[in-house]
């Protein structure tokens, strides 16, 4: 098994780390998702319409995220 990401963080940074594992989600979008939804669980269960309310996240990114979580 080849690790795709190394240096797992601890504490509150784990939320950002989890979200950065989604396709097309880098550090700034991960922070925007956390600011908007509060938790990774809320992001993972969000609808397309809810994702589109996040500043900087467009329809293509929302669809890609939802596809990865399906």
PDB file of N, CA and C in Angstrom:
ATOM      1  N   UNK A   1       0.848  -1.176   0.000  1.00  0.00           N
ATOM      2  CA  UNK A   1       0.000   0.000   0.000  1.00  0.00           C
ATOM      3  C   UNK A   1       0.894   1.241   0.000  1.00  0.00           C
ATOM      4  N   UNK A   2       0.608   2.140  -0.903  1.00  0.00           N
ATOM      5  CA  UNK A   2       1.358   3.381  -1.016  1.00  0.00           C
ATOM      6  C   UNK A   2       0.532   4.496  -0.387  1.00  0.00           C
ATOM      7  N   UNK A   3       1.048   5.160   0.648  1.00  0.00           N
ATOM      8  CA  UNK A   3       0.283   6.256   1.249  1.00  0.00           C
ATOM      9  C   UNK A   3       0.153   7.418   0.272  1.00  0.00           C
ATOM     10  N   UNK A   4      -1.050   7.937   0.158  1.00  0.00           N
ATOM     11  CA  UNK A   4      -1.282   9.060  -0.743  1.00  0.00           C
ATOM     12  C   UNK A   4      -0.951  10.390  -0.088  1.00  0.00           C
ATOM     13  N   UNK A   5      -1.105  10.450   1.219  1.00  0.00           N
ATOM     14  CA  UNK A   5      -0.786  11.664   1.959  1.00  0.00           C
ATOM     15  C   UNK A   5      -0.050  11.236   3.224  1.00  0.00           C
ATOM     16  N   UNK A   6       0.941  12.004   3.596  1.00  0.00           N
ATOM     17  CA  UNK A   6       1.690  11.668   4.801  1.00  0.00           C
ATOM     18  C   UNK A   6       1.587  12.804   5.801  1.00  0.00           C
ATOM     19  N   UNK A   7       2.080  12.577   6.993  1.00  0.00           N
ATOM     20  CA  UNK A   7       2.088  13.618   8.010  1.00  0.00           C
ATOM     21  C   UNK A   7       0.716  13.923   8.558  1.00  0.00           C
ATOM     22  N   UNK A   8      -0.031  12.888   8.952  1.00  0.00           N
ATOM     23  CA  UNK A   8      -1.363  13.094   9.501  1.00  0.00           C
ATOM     24  C   UNK A   8      -1.329  14.053  10.679  1.00  0.00           C
ATOM     25  N   UNK A   9      -2.160  15.088  10.651  1.00  0.00           N
ATOM     26  CA  UNK A   9      -2.193  16.038  11.764  1.00  0.00           C
ATOM     27  C   UNK A   9      -2.989  15.481  12.940  1.00  0.00           C
ATOM     28  N   UNK A  10      -2.889  16.174  14.046  1.00  0.00           N
ATOM     29  CA  UNK A  10      -3.662  15.826  15.236  1.00  0.00           C
ATOM     30  C   UNK A  10      -4.483  17.033  15.641  1.00  0.00           C
ATOM     31  N   UNK A  11      -5.481  16.807  16.440  1.00  0.00           N
ATOM     32  CA  UNK A  11      -6.302  17.902  16.942  1.00  0.00           C
ATOM     33  C   UNK A  11      -7.240  18.453  15.880  1.00  0.00           C
ATOM     34  N   UNK A  12      -7.571  19.736  15.983  1.00  0.00           N
ATOM     35  CA  UNK A  12      -8.542  20.347  15.073  1.00  0.00           C
ATOM     36  C   UNK A  12      -8.139  20.302  13.601  1.00  0.00           C
ATOM     37  N   UNK A  13      -6.861  20.222  13.304  1.00  0.00           N
ATOM     38  CA  UNK A  13      -6.404  20.197  11.913  1.00  0.00           C
ATOM     39  C   UNK A  13      -6.837  18.938  11.182  1.00  0.00           C
ATOM     40  N   UNK A  14      -7.280  17.911  11.912  1.00  0.00           N
ATOM     41  CA  UNK A  14      -7.703  16.667  11.268  1.00  0.00           C
ATOM     42  C   UNK A  14      -8.920  16.916  10.373  1.00  0.00           C
ATOM     43  N   UNK A  15      -9.778  17.861  10.726  1.00  0.00           N
ATOM     44  CA  UNK A  15     -10.956  18.173   9.904  1.00  0.00           C
ATOM     45  C   UNK A  15     -10.534  18.666   8.525  1.00  0.00           C
ATOM     46  N   UNK A  16      -9.587  19.570   8.500  1.00  0.00           N
ATOM     47  CA  UNK A  16      -9.097  20.078   7.221  1.00  0.00           C
ATOM     48  C   UNK A  16      -8.434  18.954   6.432  1.00  0.00           C
ATOM     49  N   UNK A  17      -7.651  18.131   7.111  1.00  0.00           N
ATOM     50  CA  UNK A  17      -6.964  17.008   6.478  1.00  0.00           C
ATOM     51  C   UNK A  17      -7.969  16.065   5.804  1.00  0.00           C
ATOM     52  N   UNK A  18      -9.054  15.758   6.498  1.00  0.00           N
ATOM     53  CA  UNK A  18     -10.083  14.875   5.931  1.00  0.00           C
ATOM     54  C   UNK A  18     -10.676  15.473   4.659  1.00  0.00           C
ATOM     55  N   UNK A  19     -11.002  16.750   4.709  1.00  0.00           N
ATOM     56  CA  UNK A  19     -11.639  17.382   3.556  1.00  0.00           C
ATOM     57  C   UNK A  19     -10.686  17.546   2.385  1.00  0.00           C
ATOM     58  N   UNK A  20      -9.402  17.742   2.659  1.00  0.00           N
ATOM     59  CA  UNK A  20      -8.429  17.854   1.575  1.00  0.00           C
ATOM     60  C   UNK A  20      -8.260  16.525   0.834  1.00  0.00           C
ATOM     61  N   UNK A  21      -8.752  15.450   1.394  1.00  0.00           N
ATOM     62  CA  UNK A  21      -8.718  14.162   0.712  1.00  0.00           C
ATOM     63  C   UNK A  21      -9.750  14.058  -0.397  1.00  0.00           C
ATOM     64  N   UNK A  22     -10.693  14.979  -0.428  1.00  0.00           N
ATOM     65  CA  UNK A  22     -11.697  14.986  -1.492  1.00  0.00           C
ATOM     66  C   UNK A  22     -11.093  15.549  -2.775  1.00  0.00           C
ATOM     67  N   UNK A  23     -11.506  15.036  -3.931  1.00  0.00           N
ATOM     68  CA  UNK A  23     -10.950  15.551  -5.185  1.00  0.00           C
ATOM     69  C   UNK A  23     -11.270  17.025  -5.388  1.00  0.00           C
ATOM     70  N   UNK A  24     -10.260  17.779  -5.756  1.00  0.00           N
ATOM     71  CA  UNK A  24     -10.435  19.197  -6.040  1.00  0.00           C
ATOM     72  C   UNK A  24     -10.484  20.090  -4.813  1.00  0.00           C
ATOM     73  N   UNK A  25     -10.273  19.513  -3.629  1.00  0.00           N
ATOM     74  CA  UNK A  25     -10.339  20.304  -2.400  1.00  0.00           C
ATOM     75  C   UNK A  25      -8.928  20.509  -1.864  1.00  0.00           C
ATOM     76  N   UNK A  26      -8.467  21.743  -1.923  1.00  0.00           N
ATOM     77  CA  UNK A  26      -7.174  22.111  -1.364  1.00  0.00           C
ATOM     78  C   UNK A  26      -7.368  22.771  -0.015  1.00  0.00           C
ATOM     79  N   UNK A  27      -6.300  23.305   0.552  1.00  0.00           N
ATOM     80  CA  UNK A  27      -6.377  23.898   1.894  1.00  0.00           C
ATOM     81  C   UNK A  27      -7.405  25.022   2.032  1.00  0.00           C
ATOM     82  N   UNK A  28      -7.460  25.936   1.071  1.00  0.00           N
ATOM     83  CA  UNK A  28      -8.373  27.072   1.233  1.00  0.00           C
ATOM     84  C   UNK A  28      -9.835  26.642   1.101  1.00  0.00           C
ATOM     85  N   UNK A  29     -10.136  25.736   0.171  1.00  0.00           N
ATOM     86  CA  UNK A  29     -11.517  25.264   0.037  1.00  0.00           C
ATOM     87  C   UNK A  29     -11.899  24.403   1.240  1.00  0.00           C
ATOM     88  N   UNK A  30     -10.970  23.614   1.751  1.00  0.00           N
ATOM     89  CA  UNK A  30     -11.247  22.814   2.948  1.00  0.00           C
ATOM     90  C   UNK A  30     -11.616  23.729   4.118  1.00  0.00           C
ATOM     91  N   UNK A  31     -10.879  24.812   4.288  1.00  0.00           N
ATOM     92  CA  UNK A  31     -11.191  25.763   5.368  1.00  0.00           C
ATOM     93  C   UNK A  31     -12.552  26.422   5.133  1.00  0.00           C
ATOM     94  N   UNK A  32     -12.855  26.752   3.884  1.00  0.00           N
ATOM     95  CA  UNK A  32     -14.155  27.357   3.573  1.00  0.00           C
ATOM     96  C   UNK A  32     -15.292  26.380   3.891  1.00  0.00           C
ATOM     97  N   UNK A  33     -15.094  25.107   3.587  1.00  0.00           N
ATOM     98  CA  UNK A  33     -16.105  24.093   3.888  1.00  0.00           C
ATOM     99  C   UNK A  33     -16.306  23.951   5.397  1.00  0.00           C
ATOM    100  N   UNK A  34     -15.206  23.939   6.147  1.00  0.00           N
ATOM    101  CA  UNK A  34     -15.304  23.845   7.606  1.00  0.00           C
ATOM    102  C   UNK A  34     -15.998  25.081   8.171  1.00  0.00           C
ATOM    103  N   UNK A  35     -15.623  26.259   7.671  1.00  0.00           N
ATOM    104  CA  UNK A  35     -16.251  27.502   8.144  1.00  0.00           C
ATOM    105  C   UNK A  35     -17.756  27.492   7.878  1.00  0.00           C
ATOM    106  N   UNK A  36     -18.144  26.963   6.722  1.00  0.00           N
ATOM    107  CA  UNK A  36     -19.551  26.966   6.337  1.00  0.00           C
ATOM    108  C   UNK A  36     -20.353  25.883   7.062  1.00  0.00           C
ATOM    109  N   UNK A  37     -19.823  24.653   7.096  1.00  0.00           N
ATOM    110  CA  UNK A  37     -20.581  23.516   7.628  1.00  0.00           C
ATOM    111  C   UNK A  37     -20.254  23.161   9.076  1.00  0.00           C
ATOM    112  N   UNK A  38     -19.062  23.520   9.530  1.00  0.00           N
ATOM    113  CA  UNK A  38     -18.695  23.240  10.909  1.00  0.00           C
ATOM    114  C   UNK A  38     -17.927  21.953  11.134  1.00  0.00           C
ATOM    115  N   UNK A  39     -18.332  20.883  10.458  1.00  0.00           N
ATOM    116  CA  UNK A  39     -17.676  19.589  10.644  1.00  0.00           C
ATOM    117  C   UNK A  39     -17.561  18.850   9.321  1.00  0.00           C
ATOM    118  N   UNK A  40     -16.585  17.940   9.203  1.00  0.00           N
ATOM    119  CA  UNK A  40     -16.510  17.114   8.002  1.00  0.00           C
ATOM    120  C   UNK A  40     -17.783  16.285   7.800  1.00  0.00           C
ATOM    121  N   UNK A  41     -18.370  15.785   8.879  1.00  0.00           N
ATOM    122  CA  UNK A  41     -19.596  14.985   8.759  1.00  0.00           C
ATOM    123  C   UNK A  41     -20.695  15.779   8.048  1.00  0.00           C
ATOM    124  N   UNK A  42     -20.821  17.050   8.386  1.00  0.00           N
ATOM    125  CA  UNK A  42     -21.827  17.894   7.744  1.00  0.00           C
ATOM    126  C   UNK A  42     -21.510  18.097   6.265  1.00  0.00           C
ATOM    127  N   UNK A  43     -20.235  18.217   5.930  1.00  0.00           N
ATOM    128  CA  UNK A  43     -19.835  18.343   4.520  1.00  0.00           C
ATOM    129  C   UNK A  43     -20.180  17.056   3.781  1.00  0.00           C
ATOM    130  N   UNK A  44     -19.841  15.916   4.388  1.00  0.00           N
ATOM    131  CA  UNK A  44     -20.062  14.619   3.739  1.00  0.00           C
ATOM    132  C   UNK A  44     -21.543  14.329   3.518  1.00  0.00           C
ATOM    133  N   UNK A  45     -22.406  14.911   4.313  1.00  0.00           N
ATOM    134  CA  UNK A  45     -23.840  14.665   4.152  1.00  0.00           C
ATOM    135  C   UNK A  45     -24.573  15.812   3.455  1.00  0.00           C
ATOM    136  N   UNK A  46     -23.831  16.811   3.011  1.00  0.00           N
ATOM    137  CA  UNK A  46     -24.440  17.985   2.372  1.00  0.00           C
ATOM    138  C   UNK A  46     -24.998  17.658   0.987  1.00  0.00           C
ATOM    139  N   UNK A  47     -26.051  18.348   0.648  1.00  0.00           N
ATOM    140  CA  UNK A  47     -26.636  18.237  -0.695  1.00  0.00           C
ATOM    141  C   UNK A  47     -25.834  19.104  -1.672  1.00  0.00           C
ATOM    142  N   UNK A  48     -26.098  18.912  -2.941  1.00  0.00           N
ATOM    143  CA  UNK A  48     -25.452  19.720  -3.961  1.00  0.00           C
ATOM    144  C   UNK A  48     -25.776  21.196  -3.742  1.00  0.00           C
ATOM    145  N   UNK A  49     -27.039  21.473  -3.451  1.00  0.00           N
ATOM    146  CA  UNK A  49     -27.467  22.848  -3.242  1.00  0.00           C
ATOM    147  C   UNK A  49     -26.734  23.479  -2.056  1.00  0.00           C
ATOM    148  N   UNK A  50     -26.557  22.711  -0.987  1.00  0.00           N
ATOM    149  CA  UNK A  50     -25.842  23.228   0.186  1.00  0.00           C
ATOM    150  C   UNK A  50     -24.373  23.473  -0.138  1.00  0.00           C
ATOM    151  N   UNK A  51     -23.754  22.571  -0.883  1.00  0.00           N
ATOM    152  CA  UNK A  51     -22.352  22.753  -1.267  1.00  0.00           C
ATOM    153  C   UNK A  51     -22.172  24.010  -2.113  1.00  0.00           C
ATOM    154  N   UNK A  52     -23.130  24.284  -2.970  1.00  0.00           N
ATOM    155  CA  UNK A  52     -23.029  25.449  -3.851  1.00  0.00           C
ATOM    156  C   UNK A  52     -23.131  26.769  -3.091  1.00  0.00           C
ATOM    157  N   UNK A  53     -23.529  26.732  -1.837  1.00  0.00           N
ATOM    158  CA  UNK A  53     -23.592  27.943  -1.017  1.00  0.00           C
ATOM    159  C   UNK A  53     -22.218  28.342  -0.490  1.00  0.00           C
ATOM    160  N   UNK A  54     -21.220  27.461  -0.629  1.00  0.00           N
ATOM    161  CA  UNK A  54     -19.870  27.732  -0.126  1.00  0.00           C
ATOM    162  C   UNK A  54     -19.135  28.606  -1.134  1.00  0.00           C
ATOM    163  N   UNK A  55     -18.620  29.730  -0.669  1.00  0.00           N
ATOM    164  CA  UNK A  55     -17.885  30.641  -1.543  1.00  0.00           C
ATOM    165  C   UNK A  55     -16.659  29.921  -2.112  1.00  0.00           C
ATOM    166  N   UNK A  56     -16.508  29.989  -3.428  1.00  0.00           N
ATOM    167  CA  UNK A  56     -15.359  29.375  -4.088  1.00  0.00           C
ATOM    168  C   UNK A  56     -15.607  27.962  -4.580  1.00  0.00           C
ATOM    169  N   UNK A  57     -16.809  27.426  -4.339  1.00  0.00           N
ATOM    170  CA  UNK A  57     -17.121  26.066  -4.785  1.00  0.00           C
ATOM    171  C   UNK A  57     -18.201  26.144  -5.855  1.00  0.00           C
ATOM    172  N   UNK A  58     -17.854  25.742  -7.066  1.00  0.00           N
ATOM    173  CA  UNK A  58     -18.794  25.805  -8.175  1.00  0.00           C
ATOM    174  C   UNK A  58     -19.470  24.477  -8.444  1.00  0.00           C
ATOM    175  N   UNK A  59     -20.342  24.447  -9.450  1.00  0.00           N
ATOM    176  CA  UNK A  59     -21.101  23.244  -9.771  1.00  0.00           C
ATOM    177  C   UNK A  59     -20.234  22.029 -10.098  1.00  0.00           C
ATOM    178  N   UNK A  60     -19.170  22.229 -10.856  1.00  0.00           N
ATOM    179  CA  UNK A  60     -18.314  21.102 -11.229  1.00  0.00           C
ATOM    180  C   UNK A  60     -17.650  20.495  -9.984  1.00  0.00           C
ATOM    181  N   UNK A  61     -17.147  21.356  -9.099  1.00  0.00           N
ATOM    182  CA  UNK A  61     -16.520  20.868  -7.868  1.00  0.00           C
ATOM    183  C   UNK A  61     -17.532  20.169  -6.970  1.00  0.00           C
ATOM    184  N   UNK A  62     -18.719  20.731  -6.865  1.00  0.00           N
ATOM    185  CA  UNK A  62     -19.766  20.100  -6.051  1.00  0.00           C
ATOM    186  C   UNK A  62     -20.083  18.713  -6.579  1.00  0.00           C
ATOM    187  N   UNK A  63     -20.229  18.591  -7.892  1.00  0.00           N
ATOM    188  CA  UNK A  63     -20.527  17.285  -8.498  1.00  0.00           C
ATOM    189  C   UNK A  63     -19.381  16.294  -8.285  1.00  0.00           C
ATOM    190  N   UNK A  64     -18.157  16.763  -8.380  1.00  0.00           N
ATOM    191  CA  UNK A  64     -17.004  15.898  -8.178  1.00  0.00           C
ATOM    192  C   UNK A  64     -16.947  15.394  -6.729  1.00  0.00           C
ATOM    193  N   UNK A  65     -17.204  16.271  -5.787  1.00  0.00           N
ATOM    194  CA  UNK A  65     -17.209  15.892  -4.374  1.00  0.00           C
ATOM    195  C   UNK A  65     -18.317  14.865  -4.127  1.00  0.00           C
ATOM    196  N   UNK A  66     -19.513  15.154  -4.603  1.00  0.00           N
ATOM    197  CA  UNK A  66     -20.631  14.236  -4.392  1.00  0.00           C
ATOM    198  C   UNK A  66     -20.372  12.881  -5.040  1.00  0.00           C
ATOM    199  N   UNK A  67     -19.772  12.892  -6.197  1.00  0.00           N
ATOM    200  CA  UNK A  67     -19.435  11.638  -6.874  1.00  0.00           C
ATOM    201  C   UNK A  67     -18.446  10.813  -6.048  1.00  0.00           C
ATOM    202  N   UNK A  68     -17.453  11.473  -5.469  1.00  0.00           N
ATOM    203  CA  UNK A  68     -16.457  10.777  -4.657  1.00  0.00           C
ATOM    204  C   UNK A  68     -17.084  10.207  -3.381  1.00  0.00           C
ATOM    205  N   UNK A  69     -18.101  10.846  -2.873  1.00  0.00           N
ATOM    206  CA  UNK A  69     -18.720  10.395  -1.628  1.00  0.00           C
ATOM    207  C   UNK A  69     -19.823   9.374  -1.856  1.00  0.00           C
ATOM    208  N   UNK A  70     -20.170   9.133  -3.106  1.00  0.00           N
ATOM    209  CA  UNK A  70     -21.253   8.177  -3.417  1.00  0.00           C
ATOM    210  C   UNK A  70     -20.735   6.765  -3.556  1.00  0.00           C
TER     211      UNK A  70
END
